[in-house]
Amino acid sequence: MPESAVNLALMRRIDEQYLRAPFYGSRRMTAWLQRDGEQVNRKRVQRLMRLMGLEAIYAKRRTTVPGVGHKIYPYLLRSVTVTRPNQVWGTDITYVPLRCGFLYLAAILDWYSRYVLSWRLSNTLDGDFCLEALDEALQIARPEIFNTDQGAQFTSREFTGRLESAAVAISMDGRGRALDNVFVERLWRTVKYEDVYLKDYTTGAECHAGLDSFLRFYCEERLHQSLNYRTPAEVYWGEAGSGKKRRRAWEAKRSIVVT
């Protein structure tokens, strides 16, 4: 059953506060909302945070939960220096509020260049949209290491099997270690503060079109201080080798998918 307008507005507030304070669990989030004038109890906040996939980072990661019986791979990136494109890719899922509902966004990011290789929107947390994003990204290149959290979408045999077939080493964050995938977390903050919250999208189609435009801007035009004021596209395609040819092939294959 769709959430009420009141609950959707509350979820938007929870999402904004969670970006500022990802260590807030349901107790602290409830107290913060009550102090700010919301008439809400913890049970309601707990339900909405579960729906959004949000829990305090010391408990476990946000939008994913481990799959029963799924293999968990070790974290491979501690003390590793990332020095080139396609050395490490990372992925994650985040909640995207709409004016009349919500979606989930998955993206695959090259850690070195901050380049978004692929992304998908979905109205459910099943794994299909994550697999679609992975398949598109693997048409561009093969990373040496692919990092995820321990969520069921990423520990599934379908997802890990794709990576193993491509001879990609699989790395998984430690439970509750938000900094293990910090580059994707920074991407979510940018996407939400510079696009989603400002645009206040109404429909899934509008959100998809808006994110497509913003993520192109993010990759092609937005200057990154950490990249010496270059764009992610300049760094990724310029340093990955055979950039122009591979980029043309990728543009030809790009598809628009909303599930």
C-alpha atoms as a PDB file:
ATOM      1  CA  MET A   1       0.000   0.000   0.000  1.00  0.00           C
ATOM      2  CA  PRO A   2       1.432   3.433  -0.903  1.00  0.00           C
ATOM      3  CA  GLU A   3       2.677   5.613   1.936  1.00  0.00           C
ATOM      4  CA  SER A   4       0.633   8.655   2.946  1.00  0.00           C
ATOM      5  CA  ALA A   5       1.766  12.154   2.049  1.00  0.00           C
ATOM      6  CA  VAL A   6       2.549  12.737   5.731  1.00  0.00           C
ATOM      7  CA  ASN A   7       4.808   9.675   5.883  1.00  0.00           C
ATOM      8  CA  LEU A   8       6.529  10.586   2.619  1.00  0.00           C
ATOM      9  CA  ALA A   9       7.328  14.037   4.004  1.00  0.00           C
ATOM     10  CA  LEU A  10       8.630  12.423   7.176  1.00  0.00           C
ATOM     11  CA  MET A  11      10.800  10.031   5.159  1.00  0.00           C
ATOM     12  CA  ARG A  12      12.264  12.987   3.294  1.00  0.00           C
ATOM     13  CA  ARG A  13      13.232  14.610   6.606  1.00  0.00           C
ATOM     14  CA  ILE A  14      14.716  11.357   7.889  1.00  0.00           C
ATOM     15  CA  ASP A  15      16.747  10.967   4.712  1.00  0.00           C
ATOM     16  CA  GLU A  16      18.144  14.492   4.926  1.00  0.00           C
ATOM     17  CA  GLN A  17      19.101  14.087   8.576  1.00  0.00           C
ATOM     18  CA  TYR A  18      20.641  10.674   7.927  1.00  0.00           C
ATOM     19  CA  LEU A  19      22.976  12.175   5.338  1.00  0.00           C
ATOM     20  CA  ARG A  20      24.132  14.647   7.979  1.00  0.00           C
ATOM     21  CA  ALA A  21      24.269  12.097  10.816  1.00  0.00           C
ATOM     22  CA  PRO A  22      24.503   8.490   9.521  1.00  0.00           C
ATOM     23  CA  PHE A  23      25.188   7.297  13.073  1.00  0.00           C
ATOM     24  CA  TYR A  24      21.569   8.068  14.057  1.00  0.00           C
ATOM     25  CA  GLY A  25      19.558   4.963  14.849  1.00  0.00           C
ATOM     26  CA  SER A  26      15.788   4.965  15.285  1.00  0.00           C
ATOM     27  CA  ARG A  27      15.926   6.147  18.918  1.00  0.00           C
ATOM     28  CA  ARG A  28      18.071   9.173  18.176  1.00  0.00           C
ATOM     29  CA  MET A  29      16.215   9.921  14.948  1.00  0.00           C
ATOM     30  CA  THR A  30      12.903   9.855  16.834  1.00  0.00           C
ATOM     31  CA  ALA A  31      14.250  12.201  19.499  1.00  0.00           C
ATOM     32  CA  TRP A  32      15.570  14.603  16.835  1.00  0.00           C
ATOM     33  CA  LEU A  33      12.214  14.647  15.023  1.00  0.00           C
ATOM     34  CA  GLN A  34      10.295  15.209  18.256  1.00  0.00           C
ATOM     35  CA  ARG A  35      12.604  18.072  19.265  1.00  0.00           C
ATOM     36  CA  ASP A  36      11.925  19.605  15.849  1.00  0.00           C
ATOM     37  CA  GLY A  37       8.157  19.487  16.339  1.00  0.00           C
ATOM     38  CA  GLU A  38       7.145  16.185  14.733  1.00  0.00           C
ATOM     39  CA  GLN A  39       4.461  14.180  16.545  1.00  0.00           C
ATOM     40  CA  VAL A  40       5.993  10.758  15.938  1.00  0.00           C
ATOM     41  CA  ASN A  41       6.868   7.694  17.991  1.00  0.00           C
ATOM     42  CA  ARG A  42       9.824   5.344  17.651  1.00  0.00           C
ATOM     43  CA  LYS A  43       7.781   2.454  16.220  1.00  0.00           C
ATOM     44  CA  ARG A  44       6.741   4.583  13.265  1.00  0.00           C
ATOM     45  CA  VAL A  45      10.279   5.864  12.705  1.00  0.00           C
ATOM     46  CA  GLN A  46      11.632   2.307  12.865  1.00  0.00           C
ATOM     47  CA  ARG A  47       9.188   1.141  10.196  1.00  0.00           C
ATOM     48  CA  LEU A  48       9.985   4.028   7.866  1.00  0.00           C
ATOM     49  CA  MET A  49      13.735   3.621   8.314  1.00  0.00           C
ATOM     50  CA  ARG A  50      13.438  -0.095   7.521  1.00  0.00           C
ATOM     51  CA  LEU A  51      11.464   0.762   4.403  1.00  0.00           C
ATOM     52  CA  MET A  52      14.170   3.226   3.396  1.00  0.00           C
ATOM     53  CA  GLY A  53      16.967   0.798   4.247  1.00  0.00           C
ATOM     54  CA  LEU A  54      18.465   3.099   6.883  1.00  0.00           C
ATOM     55  CA  GLU A  55      20.209   2.017  10.053  1.00  0.00           C
ATOM     56  CA  ALA A  56      22.959   3.581  12.116  1.00  0.00           C
ATOM     57  CA  ILE A  57      26.332   2.816  10.537  1.00  0.00           C
ATOM     58  CA  TYR A  58      27.643   1.121  13.653  1.00  0.00           C
ATOM     59  CA  ALA A  59      24.860  -1.451  13.373  1.00  0.00           C
ATOM     60  CA  LYS A  60      24.989  -2.278   9.662  1.00  0.00           C
ATOM     61  CA  ARG A  61      24.943  -0.615   6.296  1.00  0.00           C
ATOM     62  CA  ARG A  62      22.001   1.253   5.010  1.00  0.00           C
ATOM     63  CA  THR A  63      19.952  -0.073   2.096  1.00  0.00           C
ATOM     64  CA  THR A  64      21.040  -3.691   2.054  1.00  0.00           C
ATOM     65  CA  VAL A  65      20.794  -6.668   4.394  1.00  0.00           C
ATOM     66  CA  PRO A  66      22.826  -9.874   4.146  1.00  0.00           C
ATOM     67  CA  GLY A  67      21.340 -12.747   2.187  1.00  0.00           C
ATOM     68  CA  VAL A  68      20.915 -15.974   4.154  1.00  0.00           C
ATOM     69  CA  GLY A  69      23.531 -18.484   3.041  1.00  0.00           C
ATOM     70  CA  HIS A  70      25.271 -16.061   0.676  1.00  0.00           C
ATOM     71  CA  LYS A  71      29.061 -16.083   0.613  1.00  0.00           C
ATOM     72  CA  ILE A  72      30.721 -13.060   2.222  1.00  0.00           C
ATOM     73  CA  TYR A  73      34.050 -12.044   0.717  1.00  0.00           C
ATOM     74  CA  PRO A  74      36.877 -10.330   2.664  1.00  0.00           C
ATOM     75  CA  TYR A  75      37.607  -6.618   2.414  1.00  0.00           C
ATOM     76  CA  LEU A  76      40.630  -6.299   0.107  1.00  0.00           C
ATOM     77  CA  LEU A  77      41.300  -2.568   0.156  1.00  0.00           C
ATOM     78  CA  ARG A  78      42.701  -1.815   3.581  1.00  0.00           C
ATOM     79  CA  SER A  79      46.018   0.040   3.101  1.00  0.00           C
ATOM     80  CA  VAL A  80      45.648  -0.181  -0.698  1.00  0.00           C
ATOM     81  CA  THR A  81      46.512   2.997  -2.633  1.00  0.00           C
ATOM     82  CA  VAL A  82      44.280   3.521  -5.670  1.00  0.00           C
ATOM     83  CA  THR A  83      46.453   4.944  -8.456  1.00  0.00           C
ATOM     84  CA  ARG A  84      44.654   4.316 -11.774  1.00  0.00           C
ATOM     85  CA  PRO A  85      41.241   3.930 -13.434  1.00  0.00           C
ATOM     86  CA  ASN A  86      39.695   0.464 -13.361  1.00  0.00           C
ATOM     87  CA  GLN A  87      41.786  -0.571 -10.376  1.00  0.00           C
ATOM     88  CA  VAL A  88      38.792  -0.438  -8.016  1.00  0.00           C
ATOM     89  CA  TRP A  89      35.083  -0.030  -8.671  1.00  0.00           C
ATOM     90  CA  GLY A  90      32.454   0.325  -5.973  1.00  0.00           C
ATOM     91  CA  THR A  91      28.673   0.162  -5.799  1.00  0.00           C
ATOM     92  CA  ASP A  92      25.873   0.882  -3.364  1.00  0.00           C
ATOM     93  CA  ILE A  93      22.149   1.648  -3.176  1.00  0.00           C
ATOM     94  CA  THR A  94      20.440   4.756  -1.823  1.00  0.00           C
ATOM     95  CA  TYR A  95      16.862   5.879  -1.191  1.00  0.00           C
ATOM     96  CA  VAL A  96      15.558   8.628  -3.500  1.00  0.00           C
ATOM     97  CA  PRO A  97      12.498  10.584  -2.304  1.00  0.00           C
ATOM     98  CA  LEU A  98       9.828  11.669  -4.782  1.00  0.00           C
ATOM     99  CA  ARG A  99       6.977  14.067  -4.173  1.00  0.00           C
ATOM    100  CA  CYS A 100       4.492  11.180  -4.383  1.00  0.00           C
ATOM    101  CA  GLY A 101       6.617   8.146  -3.550  1.00  0.00           C
ATOM    102  CA  PHE A 102      10.209   6.988  -3.634  1.00  0.00           C
ATOM    103  CA  LEU A 103      12.715   4.946  -5.627  1.00  0.00           C
ATOM    104  CA  TYR A 104      16.063   3.273  -5.036  1.00  0.00           C
ATOM    105  CA  LEU A 105      19.198   4.254  -6.948  1.00  0.00           C
ATOM    106  CA  ALA A 106      22.172   1.962  -7.592  1.00  0.00           C
ATOM    107  CA  ALA A 107      25.378   3.230  -9.185  1.00  0.00           C
ATOM    108  CA  ILE A 108      28.784   1.811 -10.072  1.00  0.00           C
ATOM    109  CA  LEU A 109      31.687   4.200  -9.533  1.00  0.00           C
ATOM    110  CA  ASP A 110      35.348   4.091 -10.501  1.00  0.00           C
ATOM    111  CA  TRP A 111      37.160   4.970  -7.268  1.00  0.00           C
ATOM    112  CA  TYR A 112      40.173   6.651  -8.858  1.00  0.00           C
ATOM    113  CA  SER A 113      38.352   9.016 -11.213  1.00  0.00           C
ATOM    114  CA  ARG A 114      34.964   9.227  -9.394  1.00  0.00           C
ATOM    115  CA  TYR A 115      33.420   8.402 -12.784  1.00  0.00           C
ATOM    116  CA  VAL A 116      29.900   6.908 -12.724  1.00  0.00           C
ATOM    117  CA  LEU A 117      30.108   3.942 -15.071  1.00  0.00           C
ATOM    118  CA  SER A 118      26.431   2.987 -14.850  1.00  0.00           C
ATOM    119  CA  TRP A 119      23.327   3.457 -12.734  1.00  0.00           C
ATOM    120  CA  ARG A 120      19.760   2.200 -12.402  1.00  0.00           C
ATOM    121  CA  LEU A 121      16.558   3.191 -10.627  1.00  0.00           C
ATOM    122  CA  SER A 122      14.086   0.720  -9.158  1.00  0.00           C
ATOM    123  CA  ASN A 123      10.908   0.824  -7.077  1.00  0.00           C
ATOM    124  CA  THR A 124      11.952  -2.325  -5.177  1.00  0.00           C
ATOM    125  CA  LEU A 125      15.108  -3.580  -3.491  1.00  0.00           C
ATOM    126  CA  ASP A 126      15.327  -6.799  -5.494  1.00  0.00           C
ATOM    127  CA  GLY A 127      18.660  -7.442  -7.169  1.00  0.00           C
ATOM    128  CA  ASP A 128      17.692  -7.100 -10.826  1.00  0.00           C
ATOM    129  CA  PHE A 129      18.483  -3.410 -11.172  1.00  0.00           C
ATOM    130  CA  CYS A 130      21.910  -3.928  -9.587  1.00  0.00           C
ATOM    131  CA  LEU A 131      22.658  -6.710 -12.078  1.00  0.00           C
ATOM    132  CA  GLU A 132      21.616  -4.468 -14.961  1.00  0.00           C
ATOM    133  CA  ALA A 133      23.974  -1.739 -13.759  1.00  0.00           C
ATOM    134  CA  LEU A 134      26.789  -4.264 -13.408  1.00  0.00           C
ATOM    135  CA  ASP A 135      26.235  -5.708 -16.884  1.00  0.00           C
ATOM    136  CA  GLU A 136      26.350  -2.233 -18.421  1.00  0.00           C
ATOM    137  CA  ALA A 137      29.522  -1.298 -16.565  1.00  0.00           C
ATOM    138  CA  LEU A 138      31.264  -4.520 -17.585  1.00  0.00           C
ATOM    139  CA  GLN A 139      30.668  -3.596 -21.224  1.00  0.00           C
ATOM    140  CA  ILE A 140      33.015  -0.657 -20.664  1.00  0.00           C
ATOM    141  CA  ALA A 141      35.909  -2.344 -18.860  1.00  0.00           C
ATOM    142  CA  ARG A 142      36.883  -4.883 -16.195  1.00  0.00           C
ATOM    143  CA  PRO A 143      38.078  -3.630 -12.810  1.00  0.00           C
ATOM    144  CA  GLU A 144      40.773  -5.410 -10.874  1.00  0.00           C
ATOM    145  CA  ILE A 145      38.720  -5.225  -7.658  1.00  0.00           C
ATOM    146  CA  PHE A 146      34.989  -4.667  -7.186  1.00  0.00           C
ATOM    147  CA  ASN A 147      33.879  -3.447  -3.749  1.00  0.00           C
ATOM    148  CA  THR A 148      30.357  -3.750  -2.304  1.00  0.00           C
ATOM    149  CA  ASP A 149      28.674  -3.998   1.051  1.00  0.00           C
ATOM    150  CA  GLN A 150      27.294  -7.294   2.370  1.00  0.00           C
ATOM    151  CA  GLY A 151      23.750  -6.770   1.104  1.00  0.00           C
ATOM    152  CA  ALA A 152      21.746  -9.560  -0.483  1.00  0.00           C
ATOM    153  CA  GLN A 153      21.753  -7.771  -3.848  1.00  0.00           C
ATOM    154  CA  PHE A 154      25.566  -7.980  -3.981  1.00  0.00           C
ATOM    155  CA  THR A 155      26.203 -11.296  -2.238  1.00  0.00           C
ATOM    156  CA  SER A 156      23.764 -13.166  -4.502  1.00  0.00           C
ATOM    157  CA  ARG A 157      25.203 -15.912  -6.680  1.00  0.00           C
ATOM    158  CA  GLU A 158      24.039 -14.039  -9.790  1.00  0.00           C
ATOM    159  CA  PHE A 159      25.967 -10.894  -8.885  1.00  0.00           C
ATOM    160  CA  THR A 160      29.167 -12.492  -7.605  1.00  0.00           C
ATOM    161  CA  GLY A 161      29.076 -14.990 -10.466  1.00  0.00           C
ATOM    162  CA  ARG A 162      29.138 -12.168 -13.014  1.00  0.00           C
ATOM    163  CA  LEU A 163      32.269 -10.780 -11.378  1.00  0.00           C
ATOM    164  CA  GLU A 164      34.002 -14.135 -11.018  1.00  0.00           C
ATOM    165  CA  SER A 165      33.311 -14.945 -14.679  1.00  0.00           C
ATOM    166  CA  ALA A 166      35.008 -11.671 -15.585  1.00  0.00           C
ATOM    167  CA  ALA A 167      38.026 -12.556 -13.385  1.00  0.00           C
ATOM    168  CA  VAL A 168      37.323  -9.637 -11.036  1.00  0.00           C
ATOM    169  CA  ALA A 169      38.416  -9.881  -7.393  1.00  0.00           C
ATOM    170  CA  ILE A 170      35.473  -9.291  -5.027  1.00  0.00           C
ATOM    171  CA  SER A 171      35.841  -7.135  -1.920  1.00  0.00           C
ATOM    172  CA  MET A 172      33.126  -6.579   0.686  1.00  0.00           C
ATOM    173  CA  ASP A 173      32.903  -3.936   3.402  1.00  0.00           C
ATOM    174  CA  GLY A 174      33.100  -4.906   7.027  1.00  0.00           C
ATOM    175  CA  ARG A 175      29.733  -4.780   8.821  1.00  0.00           C
ATOM    176  CA  GLY A 176      28.895  -1.208   9.734  1.00  0.00           C
ATOM    177  CA  ARG A 177      32.085   0.241   8.228  1.00  0.00           C
ATOM    178  CA  ALA A 178      30.744   3.251   6.348  1.00  0.00           C
ATOM    179  CA  LEU A 179      34.211   4.416   5.299  1.00  0.00           C
ATOM    180  CA  ASP A 180      34.950   1.181   3.419  1.00  0.00           C
ATOM    181  CA  ASN A 181      32.942   2.534   0.458  1.00  0.00           C
ATOM    182  CA  VAL A 182      33.404   6.233   1.144  1.00  0.00           C
ATOM    183  CA  PHE A 183      33.563   7.368  -2.489  1.00  0.00           C
ATOM    184  CA  VAL A 184      30.077   6.072  -3.260  1.00  0.00           C
ATOM    185  CA  GLU A 185      28.791   7.618  -0.026  1.00  0.00           C
ATOM    186  CA  ARG A 186      30.172  10.973  -1.176  1.00  0.00           C
ATOM    187  CA  LEU A 187      28.437  10.518  -4.535  1.00  0.00           C
ATOM    188  CA  TRP A 188      25.075  10.046  -2.780  1.00  0.00           C
ATOM    189  CA  ARG A 189      25.569  13.229  -0.777  1.00  0.00           C
ATOM    190  CA  THR A 190      26.344  15.168  -3.961  1.00  0.00           C
ATOM    191  CA  VAL A 191      23.425  13.698  -5.911  1.00  0.00           C
ATOM    192  CA  LYS A 192      20.941  14.491  -3.169  1.00  0.00           C
ATOM    193  CA  TYR A 193      22.081  17.972  -2.164  1.00  0.00           C
ATOM    194  CA  GLU A 194      22.845  19.187  -5.678  1.00  0.00           C
ATOM    195  CA  ASP A 195      19.946  17.557  -7.515  1.00  0.00           C
ATOM    196  CA  VAL A 196      17.297  15.414  -5.797  1.00  0.00           C
ATOM    197  CA  TYR A 197      16.423  17.725  -2.905  1.00  0.00           C
ATOM    198  CA  LEU A 198      16.487  20.798  -5.140  1.00  0.00           C
ATOM    199  CA  LYS A 199      14.383  19.344  -7.939  1.00  0.00           C
ATOM    200  CA  ASP A 200      11.771  17.560  -5.759  1.00  0.00           C
ATOM    201  CA  TYR A 201      10.849  15.105  -8.528  1.00  0.00           C
ATOM    202  CA  THR A 202       7.233  14.038  -8.871  1.00  0.00           C
ATOM    203  CA  THR A 203       7.359  10.843 -10.980  1.00  0.00           C
ATOM    204  CA  GLY A 204       9.830   8.073 -11.687  1.00  0.00           C
ATOM    205  CA  ALA A 205      10.178   9.155 -15.306  1.00  0.00           C
ATOM    206  CA  GLU A 206      10.890  12.749 -14.253  1.00  0.00           C
ATOM    207  CA  CYS A 207      13.414  11.537 -11.691  1.00  0.00           C
ATOM    208  CA  HIS A 208      15.158   9.332 -14.250  1.00  0.00           C
ATOM    209  CA  ALA A 209      15.439  12.162 -16.770  1.00  0.00           C
ATOM    210  CA  GLY A 210      16.701  14.533 -14.097  1.00  0.00           C
ATOM    211  CA  LEU A 211      19.289  12.113 -12.735  1.00  0.00           C
ATOM    212  CA  ASP A 212      20.455  11.296 -16.250  1.00  0.00           C
ATOM    213  CA  SER A 213      21.099  14.979 -16.843  1.00  0.00           C
ATOM    214  CA  PHE A 214      22.732  15.529 -13.460  1.00  0.00           C
ATOM    215  CA  LEU A 215      25.008  12.486 -13.628  1.00  0.00           C
ATOM    216  CA  ARG A 216      26.168  13.552 -17.083  1.00  0.00           C
ATOM    217  CA  PHE A 217      26.956  16.963 -15.608  1.00  0.00           C
ATOM    218  CA  TYR A 218      28.686  15.308 -12.628  1.00  0.00           C
ATOM    219  CA  CYS A 219      30.916  13.224 -14.893  1.00  0.00           C
ATOM    220  CA  GLU A 220      31.440  15.600 -17.814  1.00  0.00           C
ATOM    221  CA  GLU A 221      31.391  19.130 -16.385  1.00  0.00           C
ATOM    222  CA  ARG A 222      31.581  19.244 -12.592  1.00  0.00           C
ATOM    223  CA  LEU A 223      35.150  20.053 -11.520  1.00  0.00           C
ATOM    224  CA  HIS A 224      36.450  18.001  -8.596  1.00  0.00           C
ATOM    225  CA  GLN A 225      38.980  19.490  -6.220  1.00  0.00           C
ATOM    226  CA  SER A 226      40.314  16.009  -5.420  1.00  0.00           C
ATOM    227  CA  LEU A 227      41.033  15.543  -9.156  1.00  0.00           C
ATOM    228  CA  ASN A 228      42.987  18.807  -9.419  1.00  0.00           C
ATOM    229  CA  TYR A 229      39.885  20.525 -10.784  1.00  0.00           C
ATOM    230  CA  ARG A 230      39.413  18.081 -13.622  1.00  0.00           C
ATOM    231  CA  THR A 231      36.191  16.211 -14.396  1.00  0.00           C
ATOM    232  CA  PRO A 232      35.739  12.495 -13.718  1.00  0.00           C
ATOM    233  CA  ALA A 233      35.339  11.896 -17.460  1.00  0.00           C
ATOM    234  CA  GLU A 234      38.651  13.594 -18.235  1.00  0.00           C
ATOM    235  CA  VAL A 235      40.445  11.458 -15.680  1.00  0.00           C
ATOM    236  CA  TYR A 236      38.707   8.167 -16.457  1.00  0.00           C
ATOM    237  CA  TRP A 237      38.750   8.242 -20.245  1.00  0.00           C
ATOM    238  CA  GLY A 238      42.046  10.085 -20.447  1.00  0.00           C
ATOM    239  CA  GLU A 239      44.002   7.669 -18.255  1.00  0.00           C
ATOM    240  CA  ALA A 240      42.257   4.341 -18.829  1.00  0.00           C
ATOM    241  CA  GLY A 241      43.810   3.796 -22.281  1.00  0.00           C
ATOM    242  CA  SER A 242      42.118   3.749 -25.706  1.00  0.00           C
ATOM    243  CA  GLY A 243      39.768   6.304 -24.245  1.00  0.00           C
ATOM    244  CA  LYS A 244      38.072   7.716 -27.327  1.00  0.00           C
ATOM    245  CA  LYS A 245      37.353   4.365 -28.956  1.00  0.00           C
ATOM    246  CA  ARG A 246      36.028   2.778 -25.765  1.00  0.00           C
ATOM    247  CA  ARG A 247      33.984   5.836 -24.938  1.00  0.00           C
ATOM    248  CA  ARG A 248      32.261   5.860 -28.341  1.00  0.00           C
ATOM    249  CA  ALA A 249      31.397   2.188 -27.905  1.00  0.00           C
ATOM    250  CA  TRP A 250      29.948   2.851 -24.474  1.00  0.00           C
ATOM    251  CA  GLU A 251      27.824   5.777 -25.690  1.00  0.00           C
ATOM    252  CA  ALA A 252      26.439   3.579 -28.483  1.00  0.00           C
ATOM    253  CA  LYS A 253      25.380   0.904 -26.001  1.00  0.00           C
ATOM    254  CA  ARG A 254      23.856   3.193 -23.377  1.00  0.00           C
ATOM    255  CA  SER A 255      20.227   2.424 -22.649  1.00  0.00           C
ATOM    256  CA  ILE A 256      17.553   3.995 -20.449  1.00  0.00           C
ATOM    257  CA  VAL A 257      15.983   1.553 -18.001  1.00  0.00           C
ATOM    258  CA  VAL A 258      13.492   2.227 -15.201  1.00  0.00           C
ATOM    259  CA  THR A 259      12.291  -0.896 -13.376  1.00  0.00           C
END
